[in-house]
């Protein structure tokens, strides 16, 4: 059983390290995709790996302390299942909900007023703040016409592409 626990621990730990490393690299280069295997859509690979990591760690601990192998296996599986369930419920479901909410709101933002909180430089970027359902959000912004827009000016969001908010100033400037 010790060998089985060691294999579970190693597989779970290596998967977690690989996803952390490659996830950071892919985020840095803005590459989307999933490194996981679908497992017929029943379980997420990261949840399975968390389960294996917990079973392996608890199993090795129990075996090292000299507890009954059957009890150790049962406790390890029970705790691994609980931890996997908690991670899915409180982390992944919350992240999916937040992602779906922000995606939906980005599509509906056309025409929303915002305030420039860091100047939008000519042909460059700045930051805007806008309020949706009582929540304040900040976002990178660029002027549609490429003009400079000063801090504190009010703008309207015209579109959102690649997480960049394209805006037009509401302040009328005389030339």
Protein backbone atom coordinates (compact mmCIF):
# COMPACT_ATOMS: atom_id res chain seq x y z
CA UNK A 1 0.00 0.00 0.00
CA UNK A 2 2.88 2.37 0.72
CA UNK A 3 3.95 2.18 -2.93
CA UNK A 4 0.41 2.97 -4.09
CA UNK A 5 0.26 5.99 -1.77
CA UNK A 6 3.66 7.16 -3.01
CA UNK A 7 2.51 6.87 -6.65
CA UNK A 8 -0.68 8.85 -5.87
CA UNK A 9 1.33 11.51 -4.06
CA UNK A 10 3.89 11.82 -6.85
CA UNK A 11 1.28 11.91 -9.66
CA UNK A 12 -0.84 14.48 -7.84
CA UNK A 13 2.14 16.63 -6.87
CA UNK A 14 3.75 16.56 -10.33
CA UNK A 15 0.45 17.46 -12.00
CA UNK A 16 -0.07 20.39 -9.65
CA UNK A 17 3.49 21.65 -10.25
CA UNK A 18 3.21 21.27 -14.03
CA UNK A 19 -0.10 23.11 -14.18
CA UNK A 20 1.26 25.89 -11.97
CA UNK A 21 4.39 26.32 -14.09
CA UNK A 22 2.75 26.00 -17.50
CA UNK A 23 -0.33 27.94 -16.39
CA UNK A 24 1.92 30.88 -15.47
CA UNK A 25 3.89 30.61 -18.71
CA UNK A 26 0.70 30.39 -20.81
CA UNK A 27 -0.85 33.32 -18.94
CA UNK A 28 2.31 35.38 -19.52
CA UNK A 29 2.16 34.74 -23.27
CA UNK A 30 -1.67 35.01 -23.31
CA UNK A 31 -2.14 31.45 -24.60
CA UNK A 32 -5.52 29.93 -23.86
CA UNK A 33 -6.15 26.23 -23.51
CA UNK A 34 -6.54 23.34 -21.12
CA UNK A 35 -3.66 20.97 -20.45
CA UNK A 36 -5.98 18.43 -18.84
CA UNK A 37 -7.57 15.28 -20.12
CA UNK A 38 -11.35 15.33 -20.22
CA UNK A 39 -11.99 11.97 -18.45
CA UNK A 40 -15.22 11.74 -20.45
CA UNK A 41 -16.37 15.01 -18.96
CA UNK A 42 -17.19 13.43 -15.58
CA UNK A 43 -14.39 14.99 -13.55
CA UNK A 44 -11.88 17.77 -13.93
CA UNK A 45 -8.29 16.53 -14.04
CA UNK A 46 -7.21 19.03 -11.38
CA UNK A 47 -9.90 17.72 -8.99
CA UNK A 48 -8.80 14.13 -9.59
CA UNK A 49 -5.18 15.12 -8.97
CA UNK A 50 -6.13 16.89 -5.73
CA UNK A 51 -7.93 13.71 -4.67
CA UNK A 52 -4.86 11.58 -5.50
CA UNK A 53 -2.56 14.02 -3.72
CA UNK A 54 -4.68 13.89 -0.56
CA UNK A 55 -5.09 10.09 -0.62
CA UNK A 56 -1.35 9.65 -1.17
CA UNK A 57 -0.34 12.06 1.58
CA UNK A 58 -2.84 10.83 4.17
CA UNK A 59 -2.13 7.20 3.28
CA UNK A 60 1.62 7.64 3.70
CA UNK A 61 1.10 9.46 6.99
CA UNK A 62 -1.21 6.73 8.33
CA UNK A 63 1.10 3.92 7.22
CA UNK A 64 4.10 5.70 8.73
CA UNK A 65 2.27 5.99 12.07
CA UNK A 66 1.47 2.25 11.97
CA UNK A 67 -2.33 2.42 11.73
CA UNK A 68 -4.42 -0.41 10.25
CA UNK A 69 -4.06 -0.33 6.44
CA UNK A 70 -7.77 -0.79 5.77
CA UNK A 71 -8.71 2.07 8.07
CA UNK A 72 -5.99 4.28 6.60
CA UNK A 73 -7.26 3.59 3.06
CA UNK A 74 -10.86 4.36 4.05
CA UNK A 75 -9.94 7.57 5.87
CA UNK A 76 -7.63 8.65 3.02
CA UNK A 77 -10.37 8.11 0.41
CA UNK A 78 -12.97 9.88 2.57
CA UNK A 79 -10.78 12.93 3.25
CA UNK A 80 -9.57 13.03 -0.38
CA UNK A 81 -13.20 13.00 -1.56
CA UNK A 82 -14.19 15.74 0.86
CA UNK A 83 -11.27 17.97 -0.12
CA UNK A 84 -11.94 17.41 -3.85
CA UNK A 85 -15.62 18.26 -3.33
CA UNK A 86 -14.75 21.41 -1.34
CA UNK A 87 -12.27 22.59 -3.99
CA UNK A 88 -14.82 22.04 -6.77
CA UNK A 89 -17.63 23.69 -4.82
CA UNK A 90 -15.92 26.68 -3.26
CA UNK A 91 -13.18 27.44 -5.77
CA UNK A 92 -14.06 26.25 -9.27
CA UNK A 93 -17.80 26.96 -9.13
CA UNK A 94 -17.12 30.43 -7.73
CA UNK A 95 -14.54 31.10 -10.45
CA UNK A 96 -16.90 29.91 -13.20
CA UNK A 97 -19.68 32.10 -11.82
CA UNK A 98 -17.41 35.15 -11.69
CA UNK A 99 -16.11 34.45 -15.19
CA UNK A 100 -19.59 34.05 -16.63
CA UNK A 101 -20.75 37.24 -14.93
CA UNK A 102 -17.82 39.29 -16.23
CA UNK A 103 -18.10 37.89 -19.75
CA UNK A 104 -21.81 38.65 -19.87
CA UNK A 105 -21.30 42.16 -18.51
CA UNK A 106 -18.48 42.94 -20.98
CA UNK A 107 -20.84 42.28 -23.88
CA UNK A 108 -23.48 44.50 -22.31
CA UNK A 109 -21.15 47.42 -21.51
CA UNK A 110 -21.62 49.32 -24.77
CA UNK A 111 -22.98 52.73 -23.84
CA UNK A 112 -21.95 52.53 -20.18
CA UNK A 113 -20.46 55.70 -18.71
CA UNK A 114 -17.08 55.51 -16.99
CA UNK A 115 -14.50 57.82 -15.42
CA UNK A 116 -10.85 57.95 -16.45
CA UNK A 117 -8.76 57.16 -13.36
CA UNK A 118 -5.37 57.25 -15.05
CA UNK A 119 -4.93 59.37 -18.17
CA UNK A 120 -5.39 57.69 -21.52
CA UNK A 121 -2.32 58.76 -23.44
CA UNK A 122 -2.44 59.71 -27.11
CA UNK A 123 -2.59 56.50 -29.20
CA UNK A 124 -2.03 54.57 -25.98
CA UNK A 125 -3.71 53.25 -22.90
CA UNK A 126 -5.05 54.43 -19.56
CA UNK A 127 -7.47 53.12 -16.95
CA UNK A 128 -11.19 53.65 -16.50
CA UNK A 129 -13.57 52.89 -13.65
CA UNK A 130 -17.24 52.03 -14.17
CA UNK A 131 -20.09 50.86 -11.94
CA UNK A 132 -22.29 47.84 -12.65
CA UNK A 133 -24.96 46.77 -10.15
CA UNK A 134 -23.26 48.74 -7.40
CA UNK A 135 -19.82 47.20 -8.00
CA UNK A 136 -16.90 49.34 -9.18
CA UNK A 137 -14.65 47.83 -11.85
CA UNK A 138 -11.37 49.09 -13.28
CA UNK A 139 -10.27 48.28 -16.81
CA UNK A 140 -7.55 49.17 -19.32
CA UNK A 141 -8.88 51.65 -21.85
CA UNK A 142 -7.97 53.18 -25.17
CA UNK A 143 -9.57 56.13 -26.93
CA UNK A 144 -11.39 55.18 -30.13
CA UNK A 145 -9.94 58.19 -31.99
CA UNK A 146 -6.51 57.85 -30.36
CA UNK A 147 -6.73 61.19 -28.53
CA UNK A 148 -5.49 61.88 -25.01
CA UNK A 149 -8.17 61.80 -22.32
CA UNK A 150 -7.33 63.31 -18.96
CA UNK A 151 -7.86 61.82 -15.51
CA UNK A 152 -11.34 62.58 -14.15
CA UNK A 153 -12.99 62.97 -17.55
CA UNK A 154 -16.16 61.04 -18.23
CA UNK A 155 -16.21 58.62 -21.13
CA UNK A 156 -18.60 56.16 -22.68
CA UNK A 157 -17.59 52.58 -23.45
CA UNK A 158 -18.03 51.88 -27.18
CA UNK A 159 -16.77 48.30 -27.30
CA UNK A 160 -14.62 45.72 -25.52
CA UNK A 161 -12.08 43.67 -27.49
CA UNK A 162 -9.39 41.44 -26.01
CA UNK A 163 -10.13 42.91 -22.56
CA UNK A 164 -9.37 46.44 -23.82
CA UNK A 165 -12.19 48.97 -23.35
CA UNK A 166 -12.50 51.38 -26.26
CA UNK A 167 -13.98 54.68 -25.13
CA UNK A 168 -15.08 58.10 -26.34
CA UNK A 169 -14.82 61.23 -24.22
CA UNK A 170 -18.08 62.87 -23.16
CA UNK A 171 -16.33 66.22 -22.73
CA UNK A 172 -16.85 68.40 -25.81
CA UNK A 173 -13.59 70.04 -26.83
CA UNK A 174 -13.55 73.12 -28.99
CA UNK A 175 -10.84 73.26 -31.58
